[in-house]
Amino acid sequence: MNINNKIGFFQWFNQEKGLGVIIPEDGSREVMLDIIWLDEKREKQYKSLENGQKVVFKVERGHKVTTVLDVVLI
């Protein structure tokens, strides 16, 4: 497994479903965010995310799946 910190922005985020897509600044492939993967204490904070917001995010690349482990607004 490979864990990386990246900078990107939300292409879209659905507050009702807690799902979104992050576009990395480095041109790598977009990643899907599901807030159920994140720390329960931060879940309420992520419900207020909006399209276009810039973030630092941590991803874990497995053999088949890339998972967003953390997101911080910048």
PDB file of N, CA and C in Angstrom:
ATOM      1  N   MET A   1       0.834  -1.182   0.000  1.00  0.00           N
ATOM      2  CA  MET A   1       0.000   0.000   0.000  1.00  0.00           C
ATOM      3  C   MET A   1       0.879   1.246   0.000  1.00  0.00           C
ATOM      4  N   ASN A   2       0.378   2.287  -0.614  1.00  0.00           N
ATOM      5  CA  ASN A   2       1.128   3.517  -0.769  1.00  0.00           C
ATOM      6  C   ASN A   2       0.253   4.680  -0.299  1.00  0.00           C
ATOM      7  N   ILE A   3       0.720   5.454   0.707  1.00  0.00           N
ATOM      8  CA  ILE A   3      -0.057   6.581   1.241  1.00  0.00           C
ATOM      9  C   ILE A   3       0.628   7.884   0.834  1.00  0.00           C
ATOM     10  N   ASN A   4      -0.154   8.815   0.247  1.00  0.00           N
ATOM     11  CA  ASN A   4       0.376  10.092  -0.228  1.00  0.00           C
ATOM     12  C   ASN A   4      -0.512  11.244   0.207  1.00  0.00           C
ATOM     13  N   ASN A   5       0.113  12.400   0.502  1.00  0.00           N
ATOM     14  CA  ASN A   5      -0.617  13.646   0.714  1.00  0.00           C
ATOM     15  C   ASN A   5      -0.631  14.393  -0.608  1.00  0.00           C
ATOM     16  N   LYS A   6      -1.776  14.957  -0.957  1.00  0.00           N
ATOM     17  CA  LYS A   6      -1.916  15.698  -2.213  1.00  0.00           C
ATOM     18  C   LYS A   6      -2.739  16.956  -1.977  1.00  0.00           C
ATOM     19  N   ILE A   7      -2.630  17.891  -2.905  1.00  0.00           N
ATOM     20  CA  ILE A   7      -3.459  19.091  -2.911  1.00  0.00           C
ATOM     21  C   ILE A   7      -4.395  18.982  -4.099  1.00  0.00           C
ATOM     22  N   GLY A   8      -5.639  19.400  -3.889  1.00  0.00           N
ATOM     23  CA  GLY A   8      -6.606  19.360  -4.977  1.00  0.00           C
ATOM     24  C   GLY A   8      -7.804  20.216  -4.647  1.00  0.00           C
ATOM     25  N   PHE A   9      -8.882  20.006  -5.400  1.00  0.00           N
ATOM     26  CA  PHE A   9     -10.111  20.752  -5.150  1.00  0.00           C
ATOM     27  C   PHE A   9     -11.305  19.845  -5.435  1.00  0.00           C
ATOM     28  N   PHE A  10     -12.421  20.184  -4.811  1.00  0.00           N
ATOM     29  CA  PHE A  10     -13.627  19.413  -5.035  1.00  0.00           C
ATOM     30  C   PHE A  10     -14.228  19.779  -6.376  1.00  0.00           C
ATOM     31  N   GLN A  11     -14.358  18.791  -7.242  1.00  0.00           N
ATOM     32  CA  GLN A  11     -15.075  19.003  -8.501  1.00  0.00           C
ATOM     33  C   GLN A  11     -16.567  19.096  -8.189  1.00  0.00           C
ATOM     34  N   TRP A  12     -17.005  18.210  -7.315  1.00  0.00           N
ATOM     35  CA  TRP A  12     -18.375  18.281  -6.811  1.00  0.00           C
ATOM     36  C   TRP A  12     -18.441  17.573  -5.472  1.00  0.00           C
ATOM     37  N   PHE A  13     -19.417  17.978  -4.672  1.00  0.00           N
ATOM     38  CA  PHE A  13     -19.659  17.334  -3.384  1.00  0.00           C
ATOM     39  C   PHE A  13     -21.143  17.374  -3.109  1.00  0.00           C
ATOM     40  N   ASN A  14     -21.745  16.219  -2.834  1.00  0.00           N
ATOM     41  CA  ASN A  14     -23.154  16.108  -2.507  1.00  0.00           C
ATOM     42  C   ASN A  14     -23.273  16.020  -0.995  1.00  0.00           C
ATOM     43  N   GLN A  15     -23.713  17.105  -0.366  1.00  0.00           N
ATOM     44  CA  GLN A  15     -23.797  17.166   1.089  1.00  0.00           C
ATOM     45  C   GLN A  15     -24.811  16.169   1.640  1.00  0.00           C
ATOM     46  N   GLU A  16     -25.875  15.945   0.922  1.00  0.00           N
ATOM     47  CA  GLU A  16     -26.919  15.037   1.388  1.00  0.00           C
ATOM     48  C   GLU A  16     -26.411  13.596   1.471  1.00  0.00           C
ATOM     49  N   LYS A  17     -25.650  13.166   0.457  1.00  0.00           N
ATOM     50  CA  LYS A  17     -25.155  11.791   0.408  1.00  0.00           C
ATOM     51  C   LYS A  17     -23.775  11.629   1.024  1.00  0.00           C
ATOM     52  N   GLY A  18     -23.049  12.741   1.208  1.00  0.00           N
ATOM     53  CA  GLY A  18     -21.703  12.661   1.760  1.00  0.00           C
ATOM     54  C   GLY A  18     -20.682  12.109   0.782  1.00  0.00           C
ATOM     55  N   LEU A  19     -20.940  12.298  -0.503  1.00  0.00           N
ATOM     56  CA  LEU A  19     -20.054  11.801  -1.556  1.00  0.00           C
ATOM     57  C   LEU A  19     -19.510  12.962  -2.368  1.00  0.00           C
ATOM     58  N   GLY A  20     -18.287  12.807  -2.859  1.00  0.00           N
ATOM     59  CA  GLY A  20     -17.705  13.839  -3.697  1.00  0.00           C
ATOM     60  C   GLY A  20     -16.545  13.318  -4.514  1.00  0.00           C
ATOM     61  N   VAL A  21     -16.085  14.162  -5.430  1.00  0.00           N
ATOM     62  CA  VAL A  21     -14.934  13.849  -6.269  1.00  0.00           C
ATOM     63  C   VAL A  21     -13.897  14.943  -6.079  1.00  0.00           C
ATOM     64  N   ILE A  22     -12.654  14.541  -5.810  1.00  0.00           N
ATOM     65  CA  ILE A  22     -11.537  15.467  -5.651  1.00  0.00           C
ATOM     66  C   ILE A  22     -10.637  15.343  -6.870  1.00  0.00           C
ATOM     67  N   ILE A  23     -10.263  16.504  -7.448  1.00  0.00           N
ATOM     68  CA  ILE A  23      -9.340  16.550  -8.579  1.00  0.00           C
ATOM     69  C   ILE A  23      -7.976  16.975  -8.048  1.00  0.00           C
ATOM     70  N   PRO A  24      -6.954  16.114  -8.130  1.00  0.00           N
ATOM     71  CA  PRO A  24      -5.612  16.485  -7.656  1.00  0.00           C
ATOM     72  C   PRO A  24      -4.969  17.552  -8.549  1.00  0.00           C
ATOM     73  N   GLU A  25      -4.241  18.484  -7.938  1.00  0.00           N
ATOM     74  CA  GLU A  25      -3.532  19.524  -8.697  1.00  0.00           C
ATOM     75  C   GLU A  25      -2.422  18.954  -9.573  1.00  0.00           C
ATOM     76  N   ASP A  26      -1.869  17.809  -9.180  1.00  0.00           N
ATOM     77  CA  ASP A  26      -0.738  17.252  -9.924  1.00  0.00           C
ATOM     78  C   ASP A  26      -1.150  16.537 -11.215  1.00  0.00           C
ATOM     79  N   GLY A  27      -2.451  16.560 -11.532  1.00  0.00           N
ATOM     80  CA  GLY A  27      -2.914  15.962 -12.774  1.00  0.00           C
ATOM     81  C   GLY A  27      -3.179  14.466 -12.685  1.00  0.00           C
ATOM     82  N   SER A  28      -2.991  13.890 -11.507  1.00  0.00           N
ATOM     83  CA  SER A  28      -3.274  12.468 -11.367  1.00  0.00           C
ATOM     84  C   SER A  28      -4.786  12.237 -11.390  1.00  0.00           C
ATOM     85  N   ARG A  29      -5.168  11.002 -11.410  1.00  0.00           N
ATOM     86  CA  ARG A  29      -6.576  10.632 -11.552  1.00  0.00           C
ATOM     87  C   ARG A  29      -7.428  11.132 -10.381  1.00  0.00           C
ATOM     88  N   GLU A  30      -8.656  11.547 -10.694  1.00  0.00           N
ATOM     89  CA  GLU A  30      -9.595  11.996  -9.664  1.00  0.00           C
ATOM     90  C   GLU A  30      -9.866  10.868  -8.685  1.00  0.00           C
ATOM     91  N   VAL A  31     -10.242  11.258  -7.457  1.00  0.00           N
ATOM     92  CA  VAL A  31     -10.549  10.273  -6.429  1.00  0.00           C
ATOM     93  C   VAL A  31     -11.927  10.551  -5.846  1.00  0.00           C
ATOM     94  N   MET A  32     -12.582   9.506  -5.441  1.00  0.00           N
ATOM     95  CA  MET A  32     -13.911   9.594  -4.847  1.00  0.00           C
ATOM     96  C   MET A  32     -13.774   9.711  -3.340  1.00  0.00           C
ATOM     97  N   LEU A  33     -14.555  10.597  -2.745  1.00  0.00           N
ATOM     98  CA  LEU A  33     -14.598  10.759  -1.299  1.00  0.00           C
ATOM     99  C   LEU A  33     -15.958  10.304  -0.801  1.00  0.00           C
ATOM    100  N   ASP A  34     -15.959   9.458   0.201  1.00  0.00           N
ATOM    101  CA  ASP A  34     -17.181   9.084   0.904  1.00  0.00           C
ATOM    102  C   ASP A  34     -16.907   9.365   2.372  1.00  0.00           C
ATOM    103  N   ILE A  35     -17.688  10.258   2.989  1.00  0.00           N
ATOM    104  CA  ILE A  35     -17.357  10.678   4.351  1.00  0.00           C
ATOM    105  C   ILE A  35     -17.421   9.542   5.360  1.00  0.00           C
ATOM    106  N   ILE A  36     -18.034   8.423   5.026  1.00  0.00           N
ATOM    107  CA  ILE A  36     -18.035   7.305   5.972  1.00  0.00           C
ATOM    108  C   ILE A  36     -16.634   6.736   6.174  1.00  0.00           C
ATOM    109  N   TRP A  37     -15.700   7.030   5.268  1.00  0.00           N
ATOM    110  CA  TRP A  37     -14.319   6.572   5.399  1.00  0.00           C
ATOM    111  C   TRP A  37     -13.523   7.429   6.371  1.00  0.00           C
ATOM    112  N   LEU A  38     -14.065   8.585   6.730  1.00  0.00           N
ATOM    113  CA  LEU A  38     -13.318   9.559   7.514  1.00  0.00           C
ATOM    114  C   LEU A  38     -13.643   9.464   8.993  1.00  0.00           C
ATOM    115  N   ASP A  39     -12.834  10.131   9.783  1.00  0.00           N
ATOM    116  CA  ASP A  39     -12.998  10.181  11.232  1.00  0.00           C
ATOM    117  C   ASP A  39     -14.395  10.685  11.596  1.00  0.00           C
ATOM    118  N   GLU A  40     -15.067   9.986  12.479  1.00  0.00           N
ATOM    119  CA  GLU A  40     -16.430  10.331  12.879  1.00  0.00           C
ATOM    120  C   GLU A  40     -16.534  11.756  13.429  1.00  0.00           C
ATOM    121  N   LYS A  41     -15.510  12.223  14.145  1.00  0.00           N
ATOM    122  CA  LYS A  41     -15.528  13.572  14.728  1.00  0.00           C
ATOM    123  C   LYS A  41     -15.555  14.639  13.647  1.00  0.00           C
ATOM    124  N   ARG A  42     -14.959  14.355  12.490  1.00  0.00           N
ATOM    125  CA  ARG A  42     -14.893  15.348  11.415  1.00  0.00           C
ATOM    126  C   ARG A  42     -16.064  15.255  10.452  1.00  0.00           C
ATOM    127  N   GLU A  43     -16.846  14.226  10.562  1.00  0.00           N
ATOM    128  CA  GLU A  43     -17.924  14.004   9.603  1.00  0.00           C
ATOM    129  C   GLU A  43     -18.836  15.219   9.455  1.00  0.00           C
ATOM    130  N   LYS A  44     -19.187  15.884  10.564  1.00  0.00           N
ATOM    131  CA  LYS A  44     -20.060  17.061  10.508  1.00  0.00           C
ATOM    132  C   LYS A  44     -19.392  18.193   9.742  1.00  0.00           C
ATOM    133  N   GLN A  45     -18.082  18.380   9.932  1.00  0.00           N
ATOM    134  CA  GLN A  45     -17.329  19.425   9.223  1.00  0.00           C
ATOM    135  C   GLN A  45     -17.403  19.202   7.718  1.00  0.00           C
ATOM    136  N   TYR A  46     -17.307  17.958   7.283  1.00  0.00           N
ATOM    137  CA  TYR A  46     -17.287  17.664   5.851  1.00  0.00           C
ATOM    138  C   TYR A  46     -18.648  17.836   5.202  1.00  0.00           C
ATOM    139  N   LYS A  47     -19.697  17.833   5.987  1.00  0.00           N
ATOM    140  CA  LYS A  47     -21.028  18.039   5.423  1.00  0.00           C
ATOM    141  C   LYS A  47     -21.163  19.442   4.828  1.00  0.00           C
ATOM    142  N   SER A  48     -20.260  20.376   5.190  1.00  0.00           N
ATOM    143  CA  SER A  48     -20.353  21.741   4.693  1.00  0.00           C
ATOM    144  C   SER A  48     -19.435  21.998   3.503  1.00  0.00           C
ATOM    145  N   LEU A  49     -18.817  20.974   2.958  1.00  0.00           N
ATOM    146  CA  LEU A  49     -17.927  21.154   1.818  1.00  0.00           C
ATOM    147  C   LEU A  49     -18.707  21.626   0.600  1.00  0.00           C
ATOM    148  N   GLU A  50     -18.026  22.411  -0.243  1.00  0.00           N
ATOM    149  CA  GLU A  50     -18.662  22.953  -1.438  1.00  0.00           C
ATOM    150  C   GLU A  50     -17.793  22.713  -2.656  1.00  0.00           C
ATOM    151  N   ASN A  51     -18.424  22.720  -3.822  1.00  0.00           N
ATOM    152  CA  ASN A  51     -17.696  22.555  -5.073  1.00  0.00           C
ATOM    153  C   ASN A  51     -16.628  23.624  -5.210  1.00  0.00           C
ATOM    154  N   GLY A  52     -15.442  23.231  -5.678  1.00  0.00           N
ATOM    155  CA  GLY A  52     -14.357  24.169  -5.912  1.00  0.00           C
ATOM    156  C   GLY A  52     -13.465  24.436  -4.715  1.00  0.00           C
ATOM    157  N   GLN A  53     -13.824  23.961  -3.524  1.00  0.00           N
ATOM    158  CA  GLN A  53     -12.989  24.216  -2.344  1.00  0.00           C
ATOM    159  C   GLN A  53     -11.657  23.481  -2.473  1.00  0.00           C
ATOM    160  N   LYS A  54     -10.589  24.191  -2.123  1.00  0.00           N
ATOM    161  CA  LYS A  54      -9.247  23.631  -2.184  1.00  0.00           C
ATOM    162  C   LYS A  54      -8.964  22.853  -0.902  1.00  0.00           C
ATOM    163  N   VAL A  55      -8.340  21.694  -1.061  1.00  0.00           N
ATOM    164  CA  VAL A  55      -8.103  20.809   0.071  1.00  0.00           C
ATOM    165  C   VAL A  55      -6.729  20.136  -0.028  1.00  0.00           C
ATOM    166  N   VAL A  56      -6.236  19.726   1.129  1.00  0.00           N
ATOM    167  CA  VAL A  56      -5.129  18.782   1.202  1.00  0.00           C
ATOM    168  C   VAL A  56      -5.778  17.466   1.584  1.00  0.00           C
ATOM    169  N   PHE A  57      -5.429  16.410   0.874  1.00  0.00           N
ATOM    170  CA  PHE A  57      -6.046  15.129   1.182  1.00  0.00           C
ATOM    171  C   PHE A  57      -5.005  14.022   1.164  1.00  0.00           C
ATOM    172  N   LYS A  58      -5.287  13.010   1.924  1.00  0.00           N
ATOM    173  CA  LYS A  58      -4.392  11.864   2.042  1.00  0.00           C
ATOM    174  C   LYS A  58      -5.089  10.672   1.395  1.00  0.00           C
ATOM    175  N   VAL A  59      -4.390  10.009   0.468  1.00  0.00           N
ATOM    176  CA  VAL A  59      -4.960   8.841  -0.190  1.00  0.00           C
ATOM    177  C   VAL A  59      -4.092   7.618   0.057  1.00  0.00           C
ATOM    178  N   GLU A  60      -4.757   6.483   0.071  1.00  0.00           N
ATOM    179  CA  GLU A  60      -4.072   5.207   0.167  1.00  0.00           C
ATOM    180  C   GLU A  60      -4.396   4.439  -1.116  1.00  0.00           C
ATOM    181  N   ARG A  61      -3.345   4.111  -1.849  1.00  0.00           N
ATOM    182  CA  ARG A  61      -3.537   3.379  -3.091  1.00  0.00           C
ATOM    183  C   ARG A  61      -3.285   1.894  -2.852  1.00  0.00           C
ATOM    184  N   GLY A  62      -4.334   1.121  -2.988  1.00  0.00           N
ATOM    185  CA  GLY A  62      -4.228  -0.323  -2.868  1.00  0.00           C
ATOM    186  C   GLY A  62      -4.063  -0.926  -4.249  1.00  0.00           C
ATOM    187  N   HIS A  63      -4.204  -2.227  -4.331  1.00  0.00           N
ATOM    188  CA  HIS A  63      -4.071  -2.905  -5.620  1.00  0.00           C
ATOM    189  C   HIS A  63      -5.210  -2.559  -6.566  1.00  0.00           C
ATOM    190  N   LYS A  64      -6.432  -2.420  -6.028  1.00  0.00           N
ATOM    191  CA  LYS A  64      -7.597  -2.161  -6.870  1.00  0.00           C
ATOM    192  C   LYS A  64      -8.320  -0.865  -6.541  1.00  0.00           C
ATOM    193  N   VAL A  65      -8.158  -0.383  -5.313  1.00  0.00           N
ATOM    194  CA  VAL A  65      -8.962   0.752  -4.850  1.00  0.00           C
ATOM    195  C   VAL A  65      -8.068   1.852  -4.282  1.00  0.00           C
ATOM    196  N   THR A  66      -8.438   3.106  -4.565  1.00  0.00           N
ATOM    197  CA  THR A  66      -7.801   4.259  -3.936  1.00  0.00           C
ATOM    198  C   THR A  66      -8.813   4.828  -2.946  1.00  0.00           C
ATOM    199  N   THR A  67      -8.373   4.971  -1.689  1.00  0.00           N
ATOM    200  CA  THR A  67      -9.249   5.436  -0.623  1.00  0.00           C
ATOM    201  C   THR A  67      -8.754   6.770  -0.090  1.00  0.00           C
ATOM    202  N   VAL A  68      -9.651   7.750   0.067  1.00  0.00           N
ATOM    203  CA  VAL A  68      -9.316   9.012   0.706  1.00  0.00           C
ATOM    204  C   VAL A  68      -9.380   8.782   2.219  1.00  0.00           C
ATOM    205  N   LEU A  69      -8.255   8.991   2.896  1.00  0.00           N
ATOM    206  CA  LEU A  69      -8.176   8.749   4.331  1.00  0.00           C
ATOM    207  C   LEU A  69      -8.454   9.995   5.156  1.00  0.00           C
ATOM    208  N   ASP A  70      -8.149  11.175   4.603  1.00  0.00           N
ATOM    209  CA  ASP A  70      -8.318  12.420   5.357  1.00  0.00           C
ATOM    210  C   ASP A  70      -8.424  13.577   4.381  1.00  0.00           C
ATOM    211  N   VAL A  71      -9.156  14.616   4.770  1.00  0.00           N
ATOM    212  CA  VAL A  71      -9.315  15.826   3.966  1.00  0.00           C
ATOM    213  C   VAL A  71      -9.259  17.025   4.903  1.00  0.00           C
ATOM    214  N   VAL A  72      -8.479  18.055   4.513  1.00  0.00           N
ATOM    215  CA  VAL A  72      -8.385  19.286   5.289  1.00  0.00           C
ATOM    216  C   VAL A  72      -8.560  20.459   4.337  1.00  0.00           C
ATOM    217  N   LEU A  73      -9.458  21.369   4.659  1.00  0.00           N
ATOM    218  CA  LEU A  73      -9.652  22.573   3.841  1.00  0.00           C
ATOM    219  C   LEU A  73      -8.447  23.482   3.976  1.00  0.00           C
ATOM    220  N   ILE A  74      -8.062  24.114   2.857  1.00  0.00           N
ATOM    221  CA  ILE A  74      -6.960  25.097   2.913  1.00  0.00           C
ATOM    222  C   ILE A  74      -7.400  26.399   2.287  1.00  0.00           C
TER     223      ILE A  74
END
